[in-house]
């Protein structure tokens, strides 16, 4: 199983990752702001993530990493 991880302090909430996700499981969280004042991206269904890394490739700030079931990034 793959897991998407967002660096909370690096993400600017540009939402490019939300449009790149083929499963449509990436969304901008409106619960908490980071220290720069941005709402950040999050995966809303970790079990549905296929580990394609489209979100990470689209991120202009390299704030997203994908970890596969073996723990590799």
N, C-alpha and C. Protein backbone atom coordinates (compact mmCIF):
# COMPACT_ATOMS: atom_id res chain seq x y z
N UNK A 1 0.85 -1.19 0.00
CA UNK A 1 0.00 0.00 0.00
C UNK A 1 0.89 1.25 0.00
N UNK A 2 0.53 2.21 -0.77
CA UNK A 2 1.27 3.47 -0.86
C UNK A 2 0.69 4.49 0.10
N UNK A 3 1.53 5.43 0.48
CA UNK A 3 1.07 6.49 1.37
C UNK A 3 1.65 7.81 0.90
N UNK A 4 0.79 8.79 0.77
CA UNK A 4 1.20 10.15 0.40
C UNK A 4 1.51 10.93 1.66
N UNK A 5 2.66 11.61 1.67
CA UNK A 5 3.02 12.43 2.82
C UNK A 5 3.28 13.85 2.33
N UNK A 6 2.64 14.81 2.98
CA UNK A 6 2.82 16.22 2.63
C UNK A 6 3.62 16.90 3.73
N UNK A 7 4.68 17.61 3.33
CA UNK A 7 5.45 18.41 4.30
C UNK A 7 4.60 19.63 4.62
N UNK A 8 4.00 19.62 5.79
CA UNK A 8 3.03 20.63 6.21
C UNK A 8 3.57 22.05 6.11
N UNK A 9 4.82 22.27 6.46
CA UNK A 9 5.39 23.62 6.46
C UNK A 9 5.85 24.08 5.08
N UNK A 10 6.04 23.18 4.14
CA UNK A 10 6.50 23.54 2.80
C UNK A 10 5.33 23.78 1.85
N UNK A 11 4.24 23.06 2.03
CA UNK A 11 3.08 23.15 1.14
C UNK A 11 2.46 24.56 1.19
N UNK A 12 2.16 25.10 -0.01
CA UNK A 12 1.52 26.42 -0.12
C UNK A 12 0.03 26.32 -0.45
N UNK A 13 -0.47 25.10 -0.56
CA UNK A 13 -1.89 24.94 -0.85
C UNK A 13 -2.30 25.38 -2.24
N UNK A 14 -1.42 25.23 -3.22
CA UNK A 14 -1.71 25.67 -4.58
C UNK A 14 -2.76 24.79 -5.27
N UNK A 15 -2.96 23.58 -4.76
CA UNK A 15 -3.97 22.63 -5.24
C UNK A 15 -3.65 21.98 -6.58
N UNK A 16 -2.44 22.13 -7.09
CA UNK A 16 -2.08 21.45 -8.34
C UNK A 16 -2.13 19.94 -8.16
N UNK A 17 -1.79 19.47 -6.99
CA UNK A 17 -1.82 18.03 -6.72
C UNK A 17 -3.24 17.48 -6.74
N UNK A 18 -4.20 18.29 -6.36
CA UNK A 18 -5.59 17.82 -6.33
C UNK A 18 -6.10 17.54 -7.73
N UNK A 19 -5.63 18.29 -8.70
CA UNK A 19 -6.07 18.08 -10.08
C UNK A 19 -5.28 16.95 -10.75
N UNK A 20 -4.09 16.66 -10.26
CA UNK A 20 -3.24 15.63 -10.86
C UNK A 20 -3.60 14.22 -10.42
N UNK A 21 -4.23 14.07 -9.29
CA UNK A 21 -4.53 12.75 -8.74
C UNK A 21 -5.60 12.02 -9.57
N UNK A 22 -5.26 10.85 -10.12
CA UNK A 22 -6.25 10.13 -10.92
C UNK A 22 -7.38 9.54 -10.09
N UNK A 23 -7.15 9.33 -8.80
CA UNK A 23 -8.17 8.78 -7.92
C UNK A 23 -9.00 9.86 -7.22
N UNK A 24 -8.60 11.11 -7.39
CA UNK A 24 -9.30 12.26 -6.78
C UNK A 24 -9.40 12.13 -5.26
N UNK A 25 -8.28 11.74 -4.63
CA UNK A 25 -8.25 11.56 -3.18
C UNK A 25 -7.35 12.58 -2.49
N UNK A 26 -6.90 13.59 -3.22
CA UNK A 26 -6.09 14.66 -2.63
C UNK A 26 -6.95 15.91 -2.57
N UNK A 27 -6.98 16.54 -1.41
CA UNK A 27 -7.80 17.74 -1.21
C UNK A 27 -7.04 18.73 -0.33
N UNK A 28 -7.48 19.96 -0.37
CA UNK A 28 -6.91 20.98 0.50
C UNK A 28 -7.68 20.96 1.82
N UNK A 29 -6.95 20.79 2.89
CA UNK A 29 -7.57 20.76 4.22
C UNK A 29 -7.84 22.19 4.68
N UNK A 30 -9.01 22.43 5.20
CA UNK A 30 -9.36 23.77 5.69
C UNK A 30 -9.50 23.79 7.20
N UNK A 31 -8.75 22.90 7.86
CA UNK A 31 -8.83 22.79 9.32
C UNK A 31 -7.72 23.54 10.04
N UNK A 32 -6.51 23.57 9.45
CA UNK A 32 -5.38 24.15 10.15
C UNK A 32 -4.44 24.84 9.16
N UNK A 33 -3.96 26.02 9.53
CA UNK A 33 -3.00 26.76 8.71
C UNK A 33 -1.58 26.40 9.13
N UNK A 34 -0.65 26.38 8.15
CA UNK A 34 0.75 26.19 8.53
C UNK A 34 1.33 27.54 8.97
N UNK A 35 2.60 27.57 9.31
CA UNK A 35 3.21 28.79 9.85
C UNK A 35 3.25 29.94 8.84
N UNK A 36 3.11 29.62 7.55
CA UNK A 36 3.10 30.66 6.52
C UNK A 36 1.70 31.16 6.22
N UNK A 37 0.70 30.54 6.86
CA UNK A 37 -0.68 30.97 6.68
C UNK A 37 -1.42 30.27 5.56
N UNK A 38 -0.93 29.11 5.13
CA UNK A 38 -1.57 28.36 4.05
C UNK A 38 -2.31 27.14 4.58
N UNK A 39 -3.45 26.84 3.97
CA UNK A 39 -4.09 25.54 4.16
C UNK A 39 -3.34 24.58 3.25
N UNK A 40 -3.10 23.38 3.70
CA UNK A 40 -2.25 22.46 2.95
C UNK A 40 -3.02 21.27 2.38
N UNK A 41 -2.37 20.58 1.47
CA UNK A 41 -2.96 19.39 0.84
C UNK A 41 -2.90 18.21 1.80
N UNK A 42 -3.81 17.27 1.58
CA UNK A 42 -3.80 16.02 2.34
C UNK A 42 -4.48 14.93 1.52
N UNK A 43 -4.13 13.70 1.81
CA UNK A 43 -4.79 12.57 1.18
C UNK A 43 -6.01 12.23 2.04
N UNK A 44 -7.16 12.17 1.41
CA UNK A 44 -8.39 11.93 2.17
C UNK A 44 -8.76 10.44 2.24
N UNK A 45 -8.01 9.59 1.51
CA UNK A 45 -8.27 8.15 1.55
C UNK A 45 -6.97 7.39 1.27
N UNK A 46 -6.18 7.15 2.31
CA UNK A 46 -4.89 6.48 2.14
C UNK A 46 -5.02 5.10 1.50
N UNK A 47 -6.09 4.39 1.79
CA UNK A 47 -6.28 3.05 1.24
C UNK A 47 -6.49 3.06 -0.27
N UNK A 48 -6.98 4.14 -0.81
CA UNK A 48 -7.24 4.23 -2.25
C UNK A 48 -6.02 4.69 -3.04
N UNK A 49 -4.98 5.16 -2.35
CA UNK A 49 -3.78 5.66 -3.04
C UNK A 49 -3.07 4.51 -3.76
N UNK A 50 -2.78 4.72 -5.05
CA UNK A 50 -2.12 3.70 -5.85
C UNK A 50 -0.62 3.95 -6.00
N UNK A 51 -0.12 5.01 -5.40
CA UNK A 51 1.31 5.29 -5.43
C UNK A 51 1.85 5.75 -6.76
N UNK A 52 1.02 6.34 -7.59
CA UNK A 52 1.45 6.77 -8.92
C UNK A 52 2.40 7.97 -8.88
N UNK A 53 2.36 8.73 -7.80
CA UNK A 53 3.22 9.90 -7.57
C UNK A 53 2.92 11.08 -8.50
N UNK A 54 1.76 11.08 -9.12
CA UNK A 54 1.38 12.22 -9.97
C UNK A 54 1.30 13.49 -9.13
N UNK A 55 0.81 13.37 -7.90
CA UNK A 55 0.72 14.54 -7.02
C UNK A 55 2.11 15.10 -6.72
N UNK A 56 3.06 14.20 -6.45
CA UNK A 56 4.42 14.63 -6.13
C UNK A 56 5.11 15.26 -7.34
N UNK A 57 4.86 14.71 -8.52
CA UNK A 57 5.47 15.27 -9.73
C UNK A 57 4.91 16.66 -10.05
N UNK A 58 3.66 16.89 -9.69
CA UNK A 58 3.00 18.16 -9.99
C UNK A 58 3.37 19.25 -8.99
N UNK A 59 3.81 18.88 -7.80
CA UNK A 59 4.08 19.85 -6.73
C UNK A 59 5.28 20.74 -7.06
N UNK A 60 5.07 22.05 -7.20
CA UNK A 60 6.18 22.96 -7.53
C UNK A 60 7.15 23.17 -6.38
N UNK A 61 6.74 22.81 -5.18
CA UNK A 61 7.60 23.02 -4.01
C UNK A 61 8.20 21.74 -3.46
N UNK A 62 7.98 20.61 -4.15
CA UNK A 62 8.50 19.30 -3.71
C UNK A 62 8.08 19.00 -2.28
N UNK A 63 6.85 19.32 -1.95
CA UNK A 63 6.35 19.12 -0.59
C UNK A 63 5.72 17.74 -0.40
N UNK A 64 5.62 16.94 -1.45
CA UNK A 64 4.95 15.65 -1.38
C UNK A 64 5.92 14.51 -1.65
N UNK A 65 5.85 13.49 -0.80
CA UNK A 65 6.61 12.26 -1.03
C UNK A 65 5.63 11.10 -0.98
N UNK A 66 5.97 10.04 -1.69
CA UNK A 66 5.16 8.84 -1.71
C UNK A 66 5.99 7.71 -1.10
N UNK A 67 5.42 7.04 -0.12
CA UNK A 67 6.08 5.90 0.51
C UNK A 67 5.32 4.65 0.11
N UNK A 68 6.03 3.66 -0.42
CA UNK A 68 5.41 2.41 -0.81
C UNK A 68 5.37 1.47 0.38
N UNK A 69 4.70 0.36 0.25
CA UNK A 69 4.48 -0.55 1.38
C UNK A 69 5.78 -1.05 1.99
N UNK A 70 6.86 -1.11 1.22
CA UNK A 70 8.14 -1.54 1.76
C UNK A 70 8.87 -0.46 2.52
N UNK A 71 8.33 0.75 2.53
CA UNK A 71 8.96 1.86 3.23
C UNK A 71 9.86 2.71 2.35
N UNK A 72 10.00 2.34 1.08
CA UNK A 72 10.85 3.12 0.17
C UNK A 72 10.15 4.40 -0.25
N UNK A 73 10.93 5.46 -0.45
CA UNK A 73 10.36 6.74 -0.93
C UNK A 73 10.77 6.96 -2.36
